[in-house]
C-alpha atoms as a PDB file:
ATOM      1  CA  MET A   1       0.000   0.000   0.000  1.00  0.00           C
ATOM      2  CA  ALA A   2       1.485   3.309  -1.111  1.00  0.00           C
ATOM      3  CA  LYS A   3       1.429   6.177   1.354  1.00  0.00           C
ATOM      4  CA  ILE A   4       0.335   9.259  -0.585  1.00  0.00           C
ATOM      5  CA  GLY A   5       0.591  12.794   0.761  1.00  0.00           C
ATOM      6  CA  LEU A   6      -1.988  15.151  -0.737  1.00  0.00           C
ATOM      7  CA  TYR A   7      -0.646  18.685  -1.003  1.00  0.00           C
ATOM      8  CA  PHE A   8      -3.539  21.037  -1.792  1.00  0.00           C
ATOM      9  CA  GLY A   9      -3.014  24.534  -3.133  1.00  0.00           C
ATOM     10  CA  SER A  10      -3.764  27.103  -5.794  1.00  0.00           C
ATOM     11  CA  PHE A  11      -0.092  26.936  -6.920  1.00  0.00           C
ATOM     12  CA  ASN A  12      -0.364  30.427  -8.375  1.00  0.00           C
ATOM     13  CA  PRO A  13       2.402  29.944  -9.335  1.00  0.00           C
ATOM     14  CA  VAL A  14       4.057  26.766  -8.076  1.00  0.00           C
ATOM     15  CA  HIS A  15       7.535  27.700  -6.782  1.00  0.00           C
ATOM     16  CA  ILE A  16      10.700  26.105  -5.429  1.00  0.00           C
ATOM     17  CA  GLY A  17       9.305  26.242  -1.883  1.00  0.00           C
ATOM     18  CA  HIS A  18       6.466  23.914  -2.852  1.00  0.00           C
ATOM     19  CA  ILE A  19       8.835  21.477  -4.541  1.00  0.00           C
ATOM     20  CA  ALA A  20      11.266  21.554  -1.612  1.00  0.00           C
ATOM     21  CA  ILE A  21       8.489  20.699   0.855  1.00  0.00           C
ATOM     22  CA  ALA A  22       7.266  17.866  -1.376  1.00  0.00           C
ATOM     23  CA  GLY A  23      10.818  16.541  -1.654  1.00  0.00           C
ATOM     24  CA  TYR A  24      11.293  16.703   2.110  1.00  0.00           C
ATOM     25  CA  MET A  25       8.075  14.738   2.657  1.00  0.00           C
ATOM     26  CA  THR A  26       9.170  11.933   0.340  1.00  0.00           C
ATOM     27  CA  GLU A  27      12.797  11.800   1.467  1.00  0.00           C
ATOM     28  CA  PHE A  28      12.499  12.398   5.214  1.00  0.00           C
ATOM     29  CA  ALA A  29       8.879  11.958   6.350  1.00  0.00           C
ATOM     30  CA  GLY A  30       8.198   8.465   5.049  1.00  0.00           C
ATOM     31  CA  LEU A  31       5.725   9.283   2.282  1.00  0.00           C
ATOM     32  CA  ASP A  32       5.993   7.329  -0.966  1.00  0.00           C
ATOM     33  CA  GLN A  33       4.561  10.063  -3.173  1.00  0.00           C
ATOM     34  CA  ILE A  34       3.250  13.595  -3.040  1.00  0.00           C
ATOM     35  CA  TRP A  35       0.256  14.469  -5.158  1.00  0.00           C
ATOM     36  CA  PHE A  36      -0.126  18.189  -5.840  1.00  0.00           C
ATOM     37  CA  VAL A  37      -3.883  18.768  -5.844  1.00  0.00           C
ATOM     38  CA  VAL A  38      -4.394  21.980  -7.791  1.00  0.00           C
ATOM     39  CA  SER A  39      -7.438  23.735  -6.364  1.00  0.00           C
ATOM     40  CA  PRO A  40     -10.034  25.590  -8.420  1.00  0.00           C
ATOM     41  CA  HIS A  41     -10.937  29.162  -7.599  1.00  0.00           C
ATOM     42  CA  ASN A  42     -12.193  29.596  -4.045  1.00  0.00           C
ATOM     43  CA  PRO A  43     -15.415  31.627  -4.266  1.00  0.00           C
ATOM     44  CA  LEU A  44     -14.521  33.346  -0.995  1.00  0.00           C
ATOM     45  CA  LYS A  45     -11.309  34.782  -2.430  1.00  0.00           C
ATOM     46  CA  LYS A  46     -10.629  37.470  -4.998  1.00  0.00           C
ATOM     47  CA  LYS A  47      -9.947  36.103  -8.457  1.00  0.00           C
ATOM     48  CA  GLU A  48      -8.051  38.975 -10.057  1.00  0.00           C
ATOM     49  CA  THR A  49      -4.580  37.429  -9.794  1.00  0.00           C
ATOM     50  CA  LEU A  50      -5.604  33.771 -10.025  1.00  0.00           C
ATOM     51  CA  LEU A  51      -4.634  32.186 -13.323  1.00  0.00           C
ATOM     52  CA  ALA A  52      -7.035  29.845 -15.100  1.00  0.00           C
ATOM     53  CA  ASP A  53      -7.088  26.309 -13.731  1.00  0.00           C
ATOM     54  CA  HIS A  54      -5.389  24.716 -16.749  1.00  0.00           C
ATOM     55  CA  HIS A  55      -2.445  27.140 -16.615  1.00  0.00           C
ATOM     56  CA  ARG A  56      -1.767  26.453 -12.933  1.00  0.00           C
ATOM     57  CA  TYR A  57      -2.131  22.718 -13.528  1.00  0.00           C
ATOM     58  CA  HIS A  58       0.321  22.861 -16.453  1.00  0.00           C
ATOM     59  CA  MET A  59       2.901  24.864 -14.478  1.00  0.00           C
ATOM     60  CA  THR A  60       2.697  22.380 -11.606  1.00  0.00           C
ATOM     61  CA  GLN A  61       3.288  19.544 -14.065  1.00  0.00           C
ATOM     62  CA  LEU A  62       6.317  21.409 -15.424  1.00  0.00           C
ATOM     63  CA  ALA A  63       7.667  21.836 -11.885  1.00  0.00           C
ATOM     64  CA  ALA A  64       7.158  18.171 -10.958  1.00  0.00           C
ATOM     65  CA  GLY A  65       8.863  17.070 -14.172  1.00  0.00           C
ATOM     66  CA  ASP A  66       9.571  13.373 -14.573  1.00  0.00           C
ATOM     67  CA  ASN A  67      10.034  12.748 -10.843  1.00  0.00           C
ATOM     68  CA  ASP A  68       7.966   9.608 -10.260  1.00  0.00           C
ATOM     69  CA  ARG A  69       7.444  10.534  -6.596  1.00  0.00           C
ATOM     70  CA  LEU A  70       5.691  13.790  -7.487  1.00  0.00           C
ATOM     71  CA  LYS A  71       2.310  13.668  -9.216  1.00  0.00           C
ATOM     72  CA  VAL A  72      -0.104  16.431 -10.179  1.00  0.00           C
ATOM     73  CA  SER A  73      -3.859  16.002  -9.878  1.00  0.00           C
ATOM     74  CA  ASP A  74      -6.668  18.036 -11.411  1.00  0.00           C
ATOM     75  CA  ILE A  75      -9.321  16.025  -9.568  1.00  0.00           C
ATOM     76  CA  GLU A  76     -10.866  19.079  -7.901  1.00  0.00           C
ATOM     77  CA  PHE A  77     -11.588  20.646 -11.302  1.00  0.00           C
ATOM     78  CA  LYS A  78     -14.004  17.751 -11.900  1.00  0.00           C
ATOM     79  CA  LEU A  79     -15.785  17.830  -8.541  1.00  0.00           C
ATOM     80  CA  PRO A  80     -18.612  20.169  -7.476  1.00  0.00           C
ATOM     81  CA  VAL A  81     -17.573  23.708  -6.544  1.00  0.00           C
ATOM     82  CA  PRO A  82     -16.771  24.804  -3.932  1.00  0.00           C
ATOM     83  CA  SER A  83     -14.446  21.872  -3.382  1.00  0.00           C
ATOM     84  CA  TYR A  84     -14.124  20.487   0.127  1.00  0.00           C
ATOM     85  CA  THR A  85     -11.123  18.432   1.209  1.00  0.00           C
ATOM     86  CA  ILE A  86     -13.260  15.714   2.788  1.00  0.00           C
ATOM     87  CA  ASP A  87     -15.186  15.219  -0.488  1.00  0.00           C
ATOM     88  CA  THR A  88     -11.979  15.043  -2.509  1.00  0.00           C
ATOM     89  CA  LEU A  89     -10.518  12.463  -0.128  1.00  0.00           C
ATOM     90  CA  THR A  90     -13.690  10.378  -0.226  1.00  0.00           C
ATOM     91  CA  TYR A  91     -13.577  10.372  -4.022  1.00  0.00           C
ATOM     92  CA  LEU A  92      -9.866   9.497  -4.163  1.00  0.00           C
ATOM     93  CA  ASN A  93     -10.339   6.669  -1.671  1.00  0.00           C
ATOM     94  CA  GLU A  94     -13.028   5.156  -3.858  1.00  0.00           C
ATOM     95  CA  LYS A  95     -10.863   5.489  -6.973  1.00  0.00           C
ATOM     96  CA  HIS A  96      -7.612   4.297  -5.368  1.00  0.00           C
ATOM     97  CA  PRO A  97      -8.543   1.884  -2.539  1.00  0.00           C
ATOM     98  CA  LYS A  98      -5.026   0.432  -2.387  1.00  0.00           C
ATOM     99  CA  ASN A  99      -3.448   3.770  -1.454  1.00  0.00           C
ATOM    100  CA  GLN A 100      -3.250   5.266   2.016  1.00  0.00           C
ATOM    101  CA  PHE A 101      -3.939   8.983   1.758  1.00  0.00           C
ATOM    102  CA  CYS A 102      -2.831  11.661   4.176  1.00  0.00           C
ATOM    103  CA  LEU A 103      -2.769  15.444   4.159  1.00  0.00           C
ATOM    104  CA  VAL A 104       0.272  17.686   3.853  1.00  0.00           C
ATOM    105  CA  MET A 105      -0.184  21.239   5.097  1.00  0.00           C
ATOM    106  CA  GLY A 106       1.518  24.175   6.725  1.00  0.00           C
ATOM    107  CA  GLU A 107       1.055  25.006  10.394  1.00  0.00           C
ATOM    108  CA  ASP A 108      -1.094  28.015   9.421  1.00  0.00           C
ATOM    109  CA  ASN A 109      -3.631  25.779   7.649  1.00  0.00           C
ATOM    110  CA  LEU A 110      -3.695  23.312  10.528  1.00  0.00           C
ATOM    111  CA  LEU A 111      -4.807  26.123  12.832  1.00  0.00           C
ATOM    112  CA  THR A 112      -7.913  26.723  10.678  1.00  0.00           C
ATOM    113  CA  LEU A 113      -9.009  23.079  10.858  1.00  0.00           C
ATOM    114  CA  HIS A 114     -12.067  23.852  12.998  1.00  0.00           C
ATOM    115  CA  LYS A 115     -13.513  25.829  10.049  1.00  0.00           C
ATOM    116  CA  TRP A 116     -13.276  22.911   7.615  1.00  0.00           C
ATOM    117  CA  LYS A 117     -16.270  20.861   6.457  1.00  0.00           C
ATOM    118  CA  ASN A 118     -16.614  17.593   8.436  1.00  0.00           C
ATOM    119  CA  ALA A 119     -13.319  18.280  10.224  1.00  0.00           C
ATOM    120  CA  ALA A 120     -13.916  15.591  12.883  1.00  0.00           C
ATOM    121  CA  GLN A 121     -14.420  12.942  10.203  1.00  0.00           C
ATOM    122  CA  LEU A 122     -11.340  14.206   8.380  1.00  0.00           C
ATOM    123  CA  VAL A 123      -8.982  13.922  11.352  1.00  0.00           C
ATOM    124  CA  SER A 124     -10.402  10.539  12.388  1.00  0.00           C
ATOM    125  CA  LYS A 125      -9.588   8.996   9.003  1.00  0.00           C
ATOM    126  CA  TYR A 126      -6.519  10.748   7.629  1.00  0.00           C
ATOM    127  CA  PRO A 127      -3.080  11.445   9.146  1.00  0.00           C
ATOM    128  CA  ILE A 128      -1.833  15.008   8.752  1.00  0.00           C
ATOM    129  CA  TYR A 129       1.786  15.891   7.993  1.00  0.00           C
ATOM    130  CA  VAL A 130       2.507  19.439   9.094  1.00  0.00           C
ATOM    131  CA  TYR A 131       5.461  21.594   8.119  1.00  0.00           C
ATOM    132  CA  PRO A 132       6.343  24.740  10.098  1.00  0.00           C
ATOM    133  CA  ARG A 133       5.188  28.166   9.034  1.00  0.00           C
ATOM    134  CA  PRO A 134       6.546  31.273  10.760  1.00  0.00           C
ATOM    135  CA  ASN A 135       4.233  33.483  12.808  1.00  0.00           C
ATOM    136  CA  SER A 136       1.398  30.936  12.944  1.00  0.00           C
ATOM    137  CA  GLU A 137      -0.822  31.996  15.836  1.00  0.00           C
ATOM    138  CA  LYS A 138      -3.135  29.454  17.410  1.00  0.00           C
ATOM    139  CA  PRO A 139      -6.657  30.818  17.823  1.00  0.00           C
ATOM    140  CA  ASP A 140      -8.519  30.420  21.094  1.00  0.00           C
ATOM    141  CA  SER A 141     -10.943  27.713  19.982  1.00  0.00           C
ATOM    142  CA  VAL A 142     -12.303  24.817  22.041  1.00  0.00           C
ATOM    143  CA  LEU A 143     -13.317  23.015  18.845  1.00  0.00           C
ATOM    144  CA  LEU A 144      -9.827  23.363  17.357  1.00  0.00           C
ATOM    145  CA  ASN A 145      -8.247  22.047  20.564  1.00  0.00           C
ATOM    146  CA  GLN A 146     -10.538  18.999  20.485  1.00  0.00           C
ATOM    147  CA  LEU A 147      -9.714  18.326  16.840  1.00  0.00           C
ATOM    148  CA  LEU A 148      -5.968  18.630  17.404  1.00  0.00           C
ATOM    149  CA  LEU A 149      -6.136  16.234  20.355  1.00  0.00           C
ATOM    150  CA  SER A 150      -7.907  13.584  18.290  1.00  0.00           C
ATOM    151  CA  ALA A 151      -5.905  14.081  15.083  1.00  0.00           C
ATOM    152  CA  ASP A 152      -2.990  11.905  13.952  1.00  0.00           C
ATOM    153  CA  ILE A 153      -0.519  14.740  13.424  1.00  0.00           C
ATOM    154  CA  HIS A 154       3.066  14.245  12.230  1.00  0.00           C
ATOM    155  CA  ARG A 155       5.083  17.412  12.650  1.00  0.00           C
ATOM    156  CA  VAL A 156       8.046  17.431  10.302  1.00  0.00           C
ATOM    157  CA  ASP A 157      11.146  19.524  10.689  1.00  0.00           C
ATOM    158  CA  ALA A 158      11.197  20.762   7.103  1.00  0.00           C
ATOM    159  CA  PRO A 159      13.355  23.833   6.428  1.00  0.00           C
ATOM    160  CA  LEU A 160      11.469  27.116   6.561  1.00  0.00           C
ATOM    161  CA  ILE A 161      11.178  28.577   3.078  1.00  0.00           C
ATOM    162  CA  GLU A 162       9.609  31.999   3.104  1.00  0.00           C
ATOM    163  CA  ILE A 163       8.533  32.291  -0.511  1.00  0.00           C
ATOM    164  CA  SER A 164       4.937  32.949  -1.445  1.00  0.00           C
ATOM    165  CA  GLY A 165       2.950  33.222  -4.636  1.00  0.00           C
ATOM    166  CA  THR A 166       2.097  36.804  -3.650  1.00  0.00           C
ATOM    167  CA  PHE A 167       5.798  37.688  -3.405  1.00  0.00           C
ATOM    168  CA  ILE A 168       6.472  36.214  -6.853  1.00  0.00           C
ATOM    169  CA  ARG A 169       3.445  37.825  -8.503  1.00  0.00           C
ATOM    170  CA  ASN A 170       4.306  41.237  -7.012  1.00  0.00           C
ATOM    171  CA  GLY A 171       7.929  40.908  -8.142  1.00  0.00           C
ATOM    172  CA  ILE A 172       6.882  40.122 -11.714  1.00  0.00           C
ATOM    173  CA  LYS A 173       4.463  43.056 -11.673  1.00  0.00           C
ATOM    174  CA  MET A 174       7.394  45.298 -10.642  1.00  0.00           C
ATOM    175  CA  GLY A 175       9.485  43.986 -13.546  1.00  0.00           C
ATOM    176  CA  LYS A 176      11.866  41.955 -11.355  1.00  0.00           C
ATOM    177  CA  ASN A 177      13.613  38.782 -12.475  1.00  0.00           C
ATOM    178  CA  MET A 178      11.872  36.145 -10.331  1.00  0.00           C
ATOM    179  CA  SER A 179      13.512  33.167 -12.031  1.00  0.00           C
ATOM    180  CA  TYR A 180      15.487  32.393  -8.853  1.00  0.00           C
ATOM    181  CA  PHE A 181      12.302  31.270  -7.103  1.00  0.00           C
ATOM    182  CA  LEU A 182      10.805  29.073  -9.818  1.00  0.00           C
ATOM    183  CA  SER A 183      11.809  26.042 -11.817  1.00  0.00           C
ATOM    184  CA  PRO A 184      13.305  27.109 -15.169  1.00  0.00           C
ATOM    185  CA  LEU A 185      10.417  25.602 -17.166  1.00  0.00           C
ATOM    186  CA  VAL A 186       7.813  27.369 -15.035  1.00  0.00           C
ATOM    187  CA  TRP A 187       9.638  30.696 -15.343  1.00  0.00           C
ATOM    188  CA  ARG A 188       9.881  30.300 -19.128  1.00  0.00           C
ATOM    189  CA  TYR A 189       6.155  29.571 -19.359  1.00  0.00           C
ATOM    190  CA  ILE A 190       5.287  32.615 -17.220  1.00  0.00           C
ATOM    191  CA  GLU A 191       7.487  34.826 -19.399  1.00  0.00           C
ATOM    192  CA  GLU A 192       6.095  33.445 -22.663  1.00  0.00           C
ATOM    193  CA  MET A 193       2.518  33.916 -21.493  1.00  0.00           C
ATOM    194  CA  HIS A 194       3.187  37.302 -19.834  1.00  0.00           C
ATOM    195  CA  PHE A 195       1.495  36.156 -16.646  1.00  0.00           C
ATOM    196  CA  TYR A 196       1.242  38.447 -13.598  1.00  0.00           C
ATOM    197  CA  GLU A 197       2.696  41.440 -15.448  1.00  0.00           C
ATOM    198  CA  LYS A 198      -0.322  43.709 -14.862  1.00  0.00           C
END
């Protein structure tokens, strides 16, 4: 049974921080593969800077390359919107019953768990691999505390990489060379398509 870490995100754009975390999870945290689950537009968030789904999916494929331990999934594009993690996991379990799925997320996302759909069911079924994020503040929530106590949480000592999609998009908008923070193929695609320039 393969142990698959699901790494959800908008990947707008996917950058070297994402790939480094995925690599750490496969090399040091005992996961066989990482699947990048590219998320569709969240209706609660502004869409102005979010590239179309197929562009973000393609860039994530470029970043993963031919590494057989890194896969890219567009499964959430095919599920009802808004997409909920528990629904995606239920679907993937039905499609891939021989895999053991778990979640990969930053500390900041873990601390919002009490706001997730069917969070209790989620933590009872799926282990969570958490990498550190600076300045993550734990809210004062009884529900969150209960969830964290019952969850199977694996905290991993991955290196802190303070790169964000916002930082990259803003740099491109300012005319900066942001190639240092992206895989060469992703940077070339962004340049060719003139993404994030306005």
